Amino acid sequence: MVRSMQTITVALLPGATYLFNSYVSEFENRSRQLKIESERLREEAIRMGDYISGFFVGLSEGQQIVFEARAQRQHYSRKYSLTMESENLMRQAKETDIFIDFVKALYGKQK
């Protein structure tokens, strides 16, 4: 938040090109990192695929049902968490990109 305000302030100051470019590059790097992490989580969720049953062979039928249901719930819960975190990171990256465009436009008007 502080860096955002500093970037807006520097965008309005004449002759602060070096600081402006430095601050904007920090936001661009952060956006790039968010996109990379989002993609990594999305790919991990895809690699998880669907739950495959049959890991609890040899147990009584009741135990098998309980363990299968628990394992399946954990699998899909983890997959959902990865997907939601990926979407959240991508949303943050897009919001950062919007901010970058805003301050660049603001800076451009000051020239």
PDB file of N, CA and C in Angstrom:
ATOM      1  N   MET A   1       0.829  -1.191   0.000  1.00  0.00           N
ATOM      2  CA  MET A   1       0.000   0.000   0.000  1.00  0.00           C
ATOM      3  C   MET A   1       0.875   1.257   0.000  1.00  0.00           C
ATOM      4  N   VAL A   2       1.903   1.244   0.835  1.00  0.00           N
ATOM      5  CA  VAL A   2       2.797   2.395   0.909  1.00  0.00           C
ATOM      6  C   VAL A   2       3.498   2.606  -0.429  1.00  0.00           C
ATOM      7  N   ARG A   3       3.986   1.524  -1.017  1.00  0.00           N
ATOM      8  CA  ARG A   3       4.688   1.637  -2.297  1.00  0.00           C
ATOM      9  C   ARG A   3       3.731   2.137  -3.379  1.00  0.00           C
ATOM     10  N   SER A   4       2.473   1.767  -3.302  1.00  0.00           N
ATOM     11  CA  SER A   4       1.489   2.254  -4.275  1.00  0.00           C
ATOM     12  C   SER A   4       1.364   3.763  -4.182  1.00  0.00           C
ATOM     13  N   MET A   5       1.256   4.271  -2.981  1.00  0.00           N
ATOM     14  CA  MET A   5       1.134   5.713  -2.792  1.00  0.00           C
ATOM     15  C   MET A   5       2.418   6.429  -3.228  1.00  0.00           C
ATOM     16  N   GLN A   6       3.560   5.836  -2.925  1.00  0.00           N
ATOM     17  CA  GLN A   6       4.823   6.429  -3.348  1.00  0.00           C
ATOM     18  C   GLN A   6       4.917   6.482  -4.875  1.00  0.00           C
ATOM     19  N   THR A   7       4.455   5.430  -5.519  1.00  0.00           N
ATOM     20  CA  THR A   7       4.502   5.375  -6.984  1.00  0.00           C
ATOM     21  C   THR A   7       3.602   6.444  -7.592  1.00  0.00           C
ATOM     22  N   ILE A   8       2.414   6.611  -7.042  1.00  0.00           N
ATOM     23  CA  ILE A   8       1.499   7.649  -7.544  1.00  0.00           C
ATOM     24  C   ILE A   8       2.117   9.031  -7.338  1.00  0.00           C
ATOM     25  N   THR A   9       2.699   9.249  -6.171  1.00  0.00           N
ATOM     26  CA  THR A   9       3.333  10.537  -5.883  1.00  0.00           C
ATOM     27  C   THR A   9       4.478  10.814  -6.849  1.00  0.00           C
ATOM     28  N   VAL A  10       5.332   9.826  -7.059  1.00  0.00           N
ATOM     29  CA  VAL A  10       6.478   9.992  -7.961  1.00  0.00           C
ATOM     30  C   VAL A  10       6.001  10.221  -9.398  1.00  0.00           C
ATOM     31  N   ALA A  11       4.893   9.599  -9.765  1.00  0.00           N
ATOM     32  CA  ALA A  11       4.355   9.787 -11.123  1.00  0.00           C
ATOM     33  C   ALA A  11       3.948  11.239 -11.348  1.00  0.00           C
ATOM     34  N   LEU A  12       3.595  11.932 -10.284  1.00  0.00           N
ATOM     35  CA  LEU A  12       3.158  13.320 -10.396  1.00  0.00           C
ATOM     36  C   LEU A  12       4.297  14.333 -10.284  1.00  0.00           C
ATOM     37  N   LEU A  13       5.466  13.873  -9.867  1.00  0.00           N
ATOM     38  CA  LEU A  13       6.611  14.774  -9.707  1.00  0.00           C
ATOM     39  C   LEU A  13       7.400  14.876 -11.000  1.00  0.00           C
ATOM     40  N   PRO A  14       7.672  16.075 -11.441  1.00  0.00           N
ATOM     41  CA  PRO A  14       8.506  16.219 -12.635  1.00  0.00           C
ATOM     42  C   PRO A  14       9.961  15.854 -12.318  1.00  0.00           C
ATOM     43  N   GLY A  15      10.603  15.178 -13.234  1.00  0.00           N
ATOM     44  CA  GLY A  15      12.015  14.841 -13.068  1.00  0.00           C
ATOM     45  C   GLY A  15      12.289  13.638 -12.190  1.00  0.00           C
ATOM     46  N   ALA A  16      11.288  12.858 -11.869  1.00  0.00           N
ATOM     47  CA  ALA A  16      11.491  11.687 -11.010  1.00  0.00           C
ATOM     48  C   ALA A  16      11.448  10.396 -11.820  1.00  0.00           C
ATOM     49  N   THR A  17      11.999  10.432 -13.018  1.00  0.00           N
ATOM     50  CA  THR A  17      11.932   9.301 -13.942  1.00  0.00           C
ATOM     51  C   THR A  17      12.585   8.048 -13.374  1.00  0.00           C
ATOM     52  N   TYR A  18      13.767   8.201 -12.778  1.00  0.00           N
ATOM     53  CA  TYR A  18      14.480   7.029 -12.252  1.00  0.00           C
ATOM     54  C   TYR A  18      13.661   6.346 -11.164  1.00  0.00           C
ATOM     55  N   LEU A  19      13.148   7.123 -10.202  1.00  0.00           N
ATOM     56  CA  LEU A  19      12.334   6.537  -9.123  1.00  0.00           C
ATOM     57  C   LEU A  19      11.066   5.903  -9.675  1.00  0.00           C
ATOM     58  N   PHE A  20      10.430   6.602 -10.614  1.00  0.00           N
ATOM     59  CA  PHE A  20       9.202   6.074 -11.197  1.00  0.00           C
ATOM     60  C   PHE A  20       9.458   4.730 -11.868  1.00  0.00           C
ATOM     61  N   ASN A  21      10.486   4.677 -12.693  1.00  0.00           N
ATOM     62  CA  ASN A  21      10.804   3.418 -13.386  1.00  0.00           C
ATOM     63  C   ASN A  21      11.163   2.321 -12.400  1.00  0.00           C
ATOM     64  N   SER A  22      11.853   2.673 -11.343  1.00  0.00           N
ATOM     65  CA  SER A  22      12.223   1.697 -10.319  1.00  0.00           C
ATOM     66  C   SER A  22      10.986   1.126  -9.618  1.00  0.00           C
ATOM     67  N   TYR A  23      10.085   2.009  -9.246  1.00  0.00           N
ATOM     68  CA  TYR A  23       8.865   1.569  -8.554  1.00  0.00           C
ATOM     69  C   TYR A  23       7.972   0.730  -9.470  1.00  0.00           C
ATOM     70  N   VAL A  24       7.838   1.178 -10.709  1.00  0.00           N
ATOM     71  CA  VAL A  24       6.999   0.439 -11.655  1.00  0.00           C
ATOM     72  C   VAL A  24       7.588  -0.943 -11.920  1.00  0.00           C
ATOM     73  N   SER A  25       8.909  -1.031 -12.019  1.00  0.00           N
ATOM     74  CA  SER A  25       9.518  -2.347 -12.259  1.00  0.00           C
ATOM     75  C   SER A  25       9.285  -3.293 -11.086  1.00  0.00           C
ATOM     76  N   GLU A  26       9.212  -2.762  -9.865  1.00  0.00           N
ATOM     77  CA  GLU A  26       8.875  -3.606  -8.703  1.00  0.00           C
ATOM     78  C   GLU A  26       7.482  -4.207  -8.868  1.00  0.00           C
ATOM     79  N   PHE A  27       6.531  -3.378  -9.292  1.00  0.00           N
ATOM     80  CA  PHE A  27       5.171  -3.874  -9.503  1.00  0.00           C
ATOM     81  C   PHE A  27       5.108  -4.859 -10.669  1.00  0.00           C
ATOM     82  N   GLU A  28       5.857  -4.598 -11.720  1.00  0.00           N
ATOM     83  CA  GLU A  28       5.878  -5.516 -12.864  1.00  0.00           C
ATOM     84  C   GLU A  28       6.472  -6.867 -12.468  1.00  0.00           C
ATOM     85  N   ASN A  29       7.531  -6.839 -11.666  1.00  0.00           N
ATOM     86  CA  ASN A  29       8.125  -8.092 -11.186  1.00  0.00           C
ATOM     87  C   ASN A  29       7.150  -8.847 -10.294  1.00  0.00           C
ATOM     88  N   ARG A  30       6.458  -8.136  -9.428  1.00  0.00           N
ATOM     89  CA  ARG A  30       5.482  -8.778  -8.535  1.00  0.00           C
ATOM     90  C   ARG A  30       4.355  -9.422  -9.343  1.00  0.00           C
ATOM     91  N   SER A  31       3.877  -8.703 -10.345  1.00  0.00           N
ATOM     92  CA  SER A  31       2.821  -9.240 -11.196  1.00  0.00           C
ATOM     93  C   SER A  31       3.291 -10.506 -11.912  1.00  0.00           C
ATOM     94  N   ARG A  32       4.501 -10.472 -12.418  1.00  0.00           N
ATOM     95  CA  ARG A  32       5.069 -11.635 -13.109  1.00  0.00           C
ATOM     96  C   ARG A  32       5.185 -12.826 -12.148  1.00  0.00           C
ATOM     97  N   GLN A  33       5.640 -12.578 -10.916  1.00  0.00           N
ATOM     98  CA  GLN A  33       5.756 -13.650  -9.922  1.00  0.00           C
ATOM     99  C   GLN A  33       4.387 -14.242  -9.585  1.00  0.00           C
ATOM    100  N   LEU A  34       3.395 -13.387  -9.446  1.00  0.00           N
ATOM    101  CA  LEU A  34       2.041 -13.861  -9.148  1.00  0.00           C
ATOM    102  C   LEU A  34       1.515 -14.750 -10.277  1.00  0.00           C
ATOM    103  N   LYS A  35       1.760 -14.355 -11.513  1.00  0.00           N
ATOM    104  CA  LYS A  35       1.296 -15.142 -12.661  1.00  0.00           C
ATOM    105  C   LYS A  35       2.000 -16.499 -12.730  1.00  0.00           C
ATOM    106  N   ILE A  36       3.288 -16.508 -12.444  1.00  0.00           N
ATOM    107  CA  ILE A  36       4.049 -17.770 -12.467  1.00  0.00           C
ATOM    108  C   ILE A  36       3.529 -18.714 -11.390  1.00  0.00           C
ATOM    109  N   GLU A  37       3.330 -18.191 -10.187  1.00  0.00           N
ATOM    110  CA  GLU A  37       2.839 -19.035  -9.085  1.00  0.00           C
ATOM    111  C   GLU A  37       1.415 -19.506  -9.360  1.00  0.00           C
ATOM    112  N   SER A  38       0.592 -18.640  -9.928  1.00  0.00           N
ATOM    113  CA  SER A  38      -0.775 -19.020 -10.268  1.00  0.00           C
ATOM    114  C   SER A  38      -0.779 -20.171 -11.272  1.00  0.00           C
ATOM    115  N   GLU A  39       0.059 -20.063 -12.269  1.00  0.00           N
ATOM    116  CA  GLU A  39       0.144 -21.112 -13.289  1.00  0.00           C
ATOM    117  C   GLU A  39       0.649 -22.425 -12.690  1.00  0.00           C
ATOM    118  N   ARG A  40       1.620 -22.335 -11.779  1.00  0.00           N
ATOM    119  CA  ARG A  40       2.149 -23.534 -11.136  1.00  0.00           C
ATOM    120  C   ARG A  40       1.060 -24.249 -10.329  1.00  0.00           C
ATOM    121  N   LEU A  41       0.279 -23.492  -9.585  1.00  0.00           N
ATOM    122  CA  LEU A  41      -0.794 -24.092  -8.790  1.00  0.00           C
ATOM    123  C   LEU A  41      -1.886 -24.684  -9.681  1.00  0.00           C
ATOM    124  N   ARG A  42      -2.211 -23.977 -10.763  1.00  0.00           N
ATOM    125  CA  ARG A  42      -3.230 -24.482 -11.689  1.00  0.00           C
ATOM    126  C   ARG A  42      -2.781 -25.804 -12.308  1.00  0.00           C
ATOM    127  N   GLU A  43      -1.516 -25.863 -12.726  1.00  0.00           N
ATOM    128  CA  GLU A  43      -0.992 -27.098 -13.306  1.00  0.00           C
ATOM    129  C   GLU A  43      -0.968 -28.234 -12.285  1.00  0.00           C
ATOM    130  N   GLU A  44      -0.641 -27.913 -11.042  1.00  0.00           N
ATOM    131  CA  GLU A  44      -0.648 -28.941  -9.991  1.00  0.00           C
ATOM    132  C   GLU A  44      -2.053 -29.495  -9.785  1.00  0.00           C
ATOM    133  N   ALA A  45      -3.055 -28.627  -9.801  1.00  0.00           N
ATOM    134  CA  ALA A  45      -4.440 -29.068  -9.652  1.00  0.00           C
ATOM    135  C   ALA A  45      -4.856 -29.958 -10.823  1.00  0.00           C
ATOM    136  N   ILE A  46      -4.416 -29.604 -12.024  1.00  0.00           N
ATOM    137  CA  ILE A  46      -4.743 -30.410 -13.207  1.00  0.00           C
ATOM    138  C   ILE A  46      -4.070 -31.779 -13.118  1.00  0.00           C
ATOM    139  N   ARG A  47      -2.799 -31.784 -12.686  1.00  0.00           N
ATOM    140  CA  ARG A  47      -2.063 -33.057 -12.559  1.00  0.00           C
ATOM    141  C   ARG A  47      -2.707 -33.987 -11.534  1.00  0.00           C
ATOM    142  N   MET A  48      -3.382 -33.420 -10.557  1.00  0.00           N
ATOM    143  CA  MET A  48      -4.043 -34.270  -9.546  1.00  0.00           C
ATOM    144  C   MET A  48      -5.107 -35.148 -10.184  1.00  0.00           C
ATOM    145  N   GLY A  49      -5.761 -34.634 -11.209  1.00  0.00           N
ATOM    146  CA  GLY A  49      -6.770 -35.427 -11.898  1.00  0.00           C
ATOM    147  C   GLY A  49      -7.925 -35.801 -10.995  1.00  0.00           C
ATOM    148  N   ASP A  50      -8.627 -36.837 -11.381  1.00  0.00           N
ATOM    149  CA  ASP A  50      -9.753 -37.332 -10.591  1.00  0.00           C
ATOM    150  C   ASP A  50      -9.266 -38.351  -9.584  1.00  0.00           C
ATOM    151  N   TYR A  51     -10.044 -38.524  -8.545  1.00  0.00           N
ATOM    152  CA  TYR A  51      -9.701 -39.479  -7.502  1.00  0.00           C
ATOM    153  C   TYR A  51      -9.846 -40.900  -8.048  1.00  0.00           C
ATOM    154  N   ILE A  52      -8.872 -41.732  -7.753  1.00  0.00           N
ATOM    155  CA  ILE A  52      -8.906 -43.141  -8.160  1.00  0.00           C
ATOM    156  C   ILE A  52      -9.113 -43.975  -6.910  1.00  0.00           C
ATOM    157  N   SER A  53     -10.182 -44.726  -6.888  1.00  0.00           N
ATOM    158  CA  SER A  53     -10.477 -45.534  -5.697  1.00  0.00           C
ATOM    159  C   SER A  53      -9.765 -46.880  -5.775  1.00  0.00           C
ATOM    160  N   GLY A  54      -9.787 -47.585  -4.683  1.00  0.00           N
ATOM    161  CA  GLY A  54      -9.207 -48.916  -4.655  1.00  0.00           C
ATOM    162  C   GLY A  54      -7.945 -49.028  -3.831  1.00  0.00           C
ATOM    163  N   PHE A  55      -7.607 -47.992  -3.096  1.00  0.00           N
ATOM    164  CA  PHE A  55      -6.388 -48.016  -2.296  1.00  0.00           C
ATOM    165  C   PHE A  55      -6.568 -48.763  -0.975  1.00  0.00           C
ATOM    166  N   PHE A  56      -7.784 -49.026  -0.597  1.00  0.00           N
ATOM    167  CA  PHE A  56      -8.050 -49.615   0.713  1.00  0.00           C
ATOM    168  C   PHE A  56      -8.569 -51.046   0.603  1.00  0.00           C
ATOM    169  N   VAL A  57      -8.004 -51.789  -0.320  1.00  0.00           N
ATOM    170  CA  VAL A  57      -8.384 -53.187  -0.510  1.00  0.00           C
ATOM    171  C   VAL A  57      -7.866 -53.984   0.678  1.00  0.00           C
ATOM    172  N   GLY A  58      -8.648 -54.928   1.121  1.00  0.00           N
ATOM    173  CA  GLY A  58      -8.230 -55.779   2.232  1.00  0.00           C
ATOM    174  C   GLY A  58      -8.867 -55.387   3.548  1.00  0.00           C
ATOM    175  N   LEU A  59      -9.573 -54.299   3.590  1.00  0.00           N
ATOM    176  CA  LEU A  59     -10.275 -53.886   4.797  1.00  0.00           C
ATOM    177  C   LEU A  59     -11.711 -54.387   4.714  1.00  0.00           C
ATOM    178  N   SER A  60     -12.385 -54.326   5.828  1.00  0.00           N
ATOM    179  CA  SER A  60     -13.796 -54.704   5.786  1.00  0.00           C
ATOM    180  C   SER A  60     -14.541 -53.707   4.906  1.00  0.00           C
ATOM    181  N   GLU A  61     -15.700 -54.113   4.421  1.00  0.00           N
ATOM    182  CA  GLU A  61     -16.445 -53.271   3.487  1.00  0.00           C
ATOM    183  C   GLU A  61     -16.799 -51.921   4.106  1.00  0.00           C
ATOM    184  N   GLY A  62     -17.169 -51.908   5.357  1.00  0.00           N
ATOM    185  CA  GLY A  62     -17.509 -50.665   6.047  1.00  0.00           C
ATOM    186  C   GLY A  62     -16.305 -49.741   6.160  1.00  0.00           C
ATOM    187  N   GLN A  63     -15.165 -50.319   6.554  1.00  0.00           N
ATOM    188  CA  GLN A  63     -13.954 -49.508   6.669  1.00  0.00           C
ATOM    189  C   GLN A  63     -13.520 -48.986   5.303  1.00  0.00           C
ATOM    190  N   GLN A  64     -13.656 -49.827   4.304  1.00  0.00           N
ATOM    191  CA  GLN A  64     -13.285 -49.431   2.945  1.00  0.00           C
ATOM    192  C   GLN A  64     -14.110 -48.213   2.505  1.00  0.00           C
ATOM    193  N   ILE A  65     -15.396 -48.242   2.741  1.00  0.00           N
ATOM    194  CA  ILE A  65     -16.279 -47.133   2.343  1.00  0.00           C
ATOM    195  C   ILE A  65     -15.894 -45.846   3.065  1.00  0.00           C
ATOM    196  N   VAL A  66     -15.661 -45.972   4.379  1.00  0.00           N
ATOM    197  CA  VAL A  66     -15.304 -44.788   5.164  1.00  0.00           C
ATOM    198  C   VAL A  66     -13.974 -44.198   4.706  1.00  0.00           C
ATOM    199  N   PHE A  67     -12.958 -45.056   4.543  1.00  0.00           N
ATOM    200  CA  PHE A  67     -11.644 -44.574   4.138  1.00  0.00           C
ATOM    201  C   PHE A  67     -11.651 -44.010   2.720  1.00  0.00           C
ATOM    202  N   GLU A  68     -12.379 -44.658   1.828  1.00  0.00           N
ATOM    203  CA  GLU A  68     -12.480 -44.159   0.455  1.00  0.00           C
ATOM    204  C   GLU A  68     -13.152 -42.791   0.432  1.00  0.00           C
ATOM    205  N   ALA A  69     -14.224 -42.648   1.182  1.00  0.00           N
ATOM    206  CA  ALA A  69     -14.940 -41.371   1.211  1.00  0.00           C
ATOM    207  C   ALA A  69     -14.041 -40.268   1.781  1.00  0.00           C
ATOM    208  N   ARG A  70     -13.316 -40.578   2.836  1.00  0.00           N
ATOM    209  CA  ARG A  70     -12.420 -39.596   3.453  1.00  0.00           C
ATOM    210  C   ARG A  70     -11.288 -39.215   2.484  1.00  0.00           C
ATOM    211  N   ALA A  71     -10.708 -40.197   1.853  1.00  0.00           N
ATOM    212  CA  ALA A  71      -9.610 -39.927   0.920  1.00  0.00           C
ATOM    213  C   ALA A  71     -10.104 -39.122  -0.287  1.00  0.00           C
ATOM    214  N   GLN A  72     -11.277 -39.462  -0.772  1.00  0.00           N
ATOM    215  CA  GLN A  72     -11.837 -38.743  -1.907  1.00  0.00           C
ATOM    216  C   GLN A  72     -12.132 -37.288  -1.532  1.00  0.00           C
ATOM    217  N   ARG A  73     -12.684 -37.077  -0.349  1.00  0.00           N
ATOM    218  CA  ARG A  73     -12.969 -35.718   0.107  1.00  0.00           C
ATOM    219  C   ARG A  73     -11.679 -34.908   0.242  1.00  0.00           C
ATOM    220  N   GLN A  74     -10.652 -35.504   0.796  1.00  0.00           N
ATOM    221  CA  GLN A  74      -9.377 -34.818   0.949  1.00  0.00           C
ATOM    222  C   GLN A  74      -8.768 -34.479  -0.409  1.00  0.00           C
ATOM    223  N   HIS A  75      -8.866 -35.421  -1.335  1.00  0.00           N
ATOM    224  CA  HIS A  75      -8.325 -35.201  -2.678  1.00  0.00           C
ATOM    225  C   HIS A  75      -8.997 -33.995  -3.342  1.00  0.00           C
ATOM    226  N   TYR A  76     -10.322 -33.985  -3.376  1.00  0.00           N
ATOM    227  CA  TYR A  76     -11.038 -32.911  -4.054  1.00  0.00           C
ATOM    228  C   TYR A  76     -10.963 -31.596  -3.284  1.00  0.00           C
ATOM    229  N   SER A  77     -10.842 -31.675  -1.972  1.00  0.00           N
ATOM    230  CA  SER A  77     -10.664 -30.463  -1.179  1.00  0.00           C
ATOM    231  C   SER A  77      -9.324 -29.807  -1.513  1.00  0.00           C
ATOM    232  N   ARG A  78      -8.284 -30.603  -1.615  1.00  0.00           N
ATOM    233  CA  ARG A  78      -6.955 -30.089  -1.971  1.00  0.00           C
ATOM    234  C   ARG A  78      -6.969 -29.519  -3.392  1.00  0.00           C
ATOM    235  N   LYS A  79      -7.594 -30.229  -4.311  1.00  0.00           N
ATOM    236  CA  LYS A  79      -7.664 -29.769  -5.693  1.00  0.00           C
ATOM    237  C   LYS A  79      -8.422 -28.440  -5.777  1.00  0.00           C
ATOM    238  N   TYR A  80      -9.517 -28.323  -5.047  1.00  0.00           N
ATOM    239  CA  TYR A  80     -10.307 -27.085  -5.021  1.00  0.00           C
ATOM    240  C   TYR A  80      -9.482 -25.937  -4.432  1.00  0.00           C
ATOM    241  N   SER A  81      -8.747 -26.214  -3.344  1.00  0.00           N
ATOM    242  CA  SER A  81      -7.920 -25.188  -2.714  1.00  0.00           C
ATOM    243  C   SER A  81      -6.850 -24.672  -3.672  1.00  0.00           C
ATOM    244  N   LEU A  82      -6.217 -25.579  -4.392  1.00  0.00           N
ATOM    245  CA  LEU A  82      -5.201 -25.178  -5.367  1.00  0.00           C
ATOM    246  C   LEU A  82      -5.806 -24.312  -6.467  1.00  0.00           C
ATOM    247  N   THR A  83      -6.959 -24.703  -6.944  1.00  0.00           N
ATOM    248  CA  THR A  83      -7.630 -23.956  -8.006  1.00  0.00           C
ATOM    249  C   THR A  83      -8.029 -22.564  -7.529  1.00  0.00           C
ATOM    250  N   MET A  84      -8.589 -22.475  -6.326  1.00  0.00           N
ATOM    251  CA  MET A  84      -9.007 -21.181  -5.794  1.00  0.00           C
ATOM    252  C   MET A  84      -7.806 -20.273  -5.528  1.00  0.00           C
ATOM    253  N   GLU A  85      -6.735 -20.827  -5.002  1.00  0.00           N
ATOM    254  CA  GLU A  85      -5.529 -20.032  -4.756  1.00  0.00           C
ATOM    255  C   GLU A  85      -4.936 -19.548  -6.074  1.00  0.00           C
ATOM    256  N   SER A  86      -4.957 -20.399  -7.091  1.00  0.00           N
ATOM    257  CA  SER A  86      -4.470 -20.006  -8.412  1.00  0.00           C
ATOM    258  C   SER A  86      -5.289 -18.843  -8.965  1.00  0.00           C
ATOM    259  N   GLU A  87      -6.598 -18.931  -8.850  1.00  0.00           N
ATOM    260  CA  GLU A  87      -7.467 -17.859  -9.338  1.00  0.00           C
ATOM    261  C   GLU A  87      -7.250 -16.572  -8.552  1.00  0.00           C
ATOM    262  N   ASN A  88      -7.051 -16.689  -7.243  1.00  0.00           N
ATOM    263  CA  ASN A  88      -6.806 -15.519  -6.409  1.00  0.00           C
ATOM    264  C   ASN A  88      -5.503 -14.820  -6.820  1.00  0.00           C
ATOM    265  N   LEU A  89      -4.450 -15.592  -7.038  1.00  0.00           N
ATOM    266  CA  LEU A  89      -3.173 -15.015  -7.447  1.00  0.00           C
ATOM    267  C   LEU A  89      -3.274 -14.348  -8.817  1.00  0.00           C
ATOM    268  N   MET A  90      -4.017 -14.962  -9.735  1.00  0.00           N
ATOM    269  CA  MET A  90      -4.182 -14.373 -11.059  1.00  0.00           C
ATOM    270  C   MET A  90      -4.986 -13.070 -10.967  1.00  0.00           C
ATOM    271  N   ARG A  91      -5.975 -13.033 -10.098  1.00  0.00           N
ATOM    272  CA  ARG A  91      -6.746 -11.803  -9.893  1.00  0.00           C
ATOM    273  C   ARG A  91      -5.838 -10.698  -9.351  1.00  0.00           C
ATOM    274  N   GLN A  92      -4.985 -11.040  -8.400  1.00  0.00           N
ATOM    275  CA  GLN A  92      -4.044 -10.058  -7.853  1.00  0.00           C
ATOM    276  C   GLN A  92      -3.098  -9.547  -8.942  1.00  0.00           C
ATOM    277  N   ALA A  93      -2.638 -10.443  -9.794  1.00  0.00           N
ATOM    278  CA  ALA A  93      -1.742 -10.046 -10.889  1.00  0.00           C
ATOM    279  C   ALA A  93      -2.455  -9.086 -11.845  1.00  0.00           C
ATOM    280  N   LYS A  94      -3.706  -9.376 -12.160  1.00  0.00           N
ATOM    281  CA  LYS A  94      -4.460  -8.504 -13.067  1.00  0.00           C
ATOM    282  C   LYS A  94      -4.698  -7.134 -12.437  1.00  0.00           C
ATOM    283  N   GLU A  95      -4.985  -7.115 -11.138  1.00  0.00           N
ATOM    284  CA  GLU A  95      -5.168  -5.840 -10.447  1.00  0.00           C
ATOM    285  C   GLU A  95      -3.859  -5.045 -10.423  1.00  0.00           C
ATOM    286  N   THR A  96      -2.749  -5.737 -10.261  1.00  0.00           N
ATOM    287  CA  THR A  96      -1.442  -5.074 -10.295  1.00  0.00           C
ATOM    288  C   THR A  96      -1.183  -4.500 -11.676  1.00  0.00           C
ATOM    289  N   ASP A  97      -1.523  -5.248 -12.722  1.00  0.00           N
ATOM    290  CA  ASP A  97      -1.352  -4.762 -14.098  1.00  0.00           C
ATOM    291  C   ASP A  97      -2.201  -3.516 -14.354  1.00  0.00           C
ATOM    292  N   ILE A  98      -3.404  -3.493 -13.809  1.00  0.00           N
ATOM    293  CA  ILE A  98      -4.279  -2.325 -13.956  1.00  0.00           C
ATOM    294  C   ILE A  98      -3.649  -1.117 -13.266  1.00  0.00           C
ATOM    295  N   PHE A  99      -3.090  -1.342 -12.075  1.00  0.00           N
ATOM    296  CA  PHE A  99      -2.427  -0.258 -11.357  1.00  0.00           C
ATOM    297  C   PHE A  99      -1.229   0.264 -12.154  1.00  0.00           C
ATOM    298  N   ILE A 100      -0.458  -0.649 -12.717  1.00  0.00           N
ATOM    299  CA  ILE A 100       0.703  -0.246 -13.522  1.00  0.00           C
ATOM    300  C   ILE A 100       0.253   0.614 -14.704  1.00  0.00           C
ATOM    301  N   ASP A 101      -0.782   0.187 -15.397  1.00  0.00           N
ATOM    302  CA  ASP A 101      -1.301   0.971 -16.526  1.00  0.00           C
ATOM    303  C   ASP A 101      -1.764   2.350 -16.071  1.00  0.00           C
ATOM    304  N   PHE A 102      -2.408   2.393 -14.899  1.00  0.00           N
ATOM    305  CA  PHE A 102      -2.897   3.660 -14.352  1.00  0.00           C
ATOM    306  C   PHE A 102      -1.742   4.623 -14.074  1.00  0.00           C
ATOM    307  N   VAL A 103      -0.718   4.163 -13.363  1.00  0.00           N
ATOM    308  CA  VAL A 103       0.379   5.076 -13.014  1.00  0.00           C
ATOM    309  C   VAL A 103       1.190   5.459 -14.255  1.00  0.00           C
ATOM    310  N   LYS A 104       1.299   4.565 -15.221  1.00  0.00           N
ATOM    311  CA  LYS A 104       1.997   4.927 -16.460  1.00  0.00           C
ATOM    312  C   LYS A 104       1.226   6.014 -17.209  1.00  0.00           C
ATOM    313  N   ALA A 105      -0.099   5.894 -17.232  1.00  0.00           N
ATOM    314  CA  ALA A 105      -0.921   6.924 -17.868  1.00  0.00           C
ATOM    315  C   ALA A 105      -0.805   8.237 -17.098  1.00  0.00           C
ATOM    316  N   LEU A 106      -0.803   8.153 -15.789  1.00  0.00           N
ATOM    317  CA  LEU A 106      -0.656   9.342 -14.945  1.00  0.00           C
ATOM    318  C   LEU A 106       0.695  10.000 -15.180  1.00  0.00           C
ATOM    319  N   TYR A 107       1.723   9.207 -15.258  1.00  0.00           N
ATOM    320  CA  TYR A 107       3.082   9.710 -15.501  1.00  0.00           C
ATOM    321  C   TYR A 107       3.182  10.341 -16.888  1.00  0.00           C
ATOM    322  N   GLY A 108       2.551   9.693 -17.851  1.00  0.00           N
ATOM    323  CA  GLY A 108       2.584  10.205 -19.225  1.00  0.00           C
ATOM    324  C   GLY A 108       1.937  11.579 -19.350  1.00  0.00           C
ATOM    325  N   LYS A 109       0.927  11.866 -18.546  1.00  0.00           N
ATOM    326  CA  LYS A 109       0.255  13.168 -18.593  1.00  0.00           C
ATOM    327  C   LYS A 109       1.125  14.273 -17.979  1.00  0.00           C
ATOM    328  N   GLN A 110       2.080  13.871 -17.135  1.00  0.00           N
ATOM    329  CA  GLN A 110       2.927  14.864 -16.481  1.00  0.00           C
ATOM    330  C   GLN A 110       4.098  15.300 -17.363  1.00  0.00           C
ATOM    331  N   LYS A 111       4.391  14.536 -18.382  1.00  0.00           N
ATOM    332  CA  LYS A 111       5.526  14.855 -19.267  1.00  0.00           C
ATOM    333  C   LYS A 111       5.229  16.023 -20.147  1.00  0.00           C
TER     334      LYS A 111
END
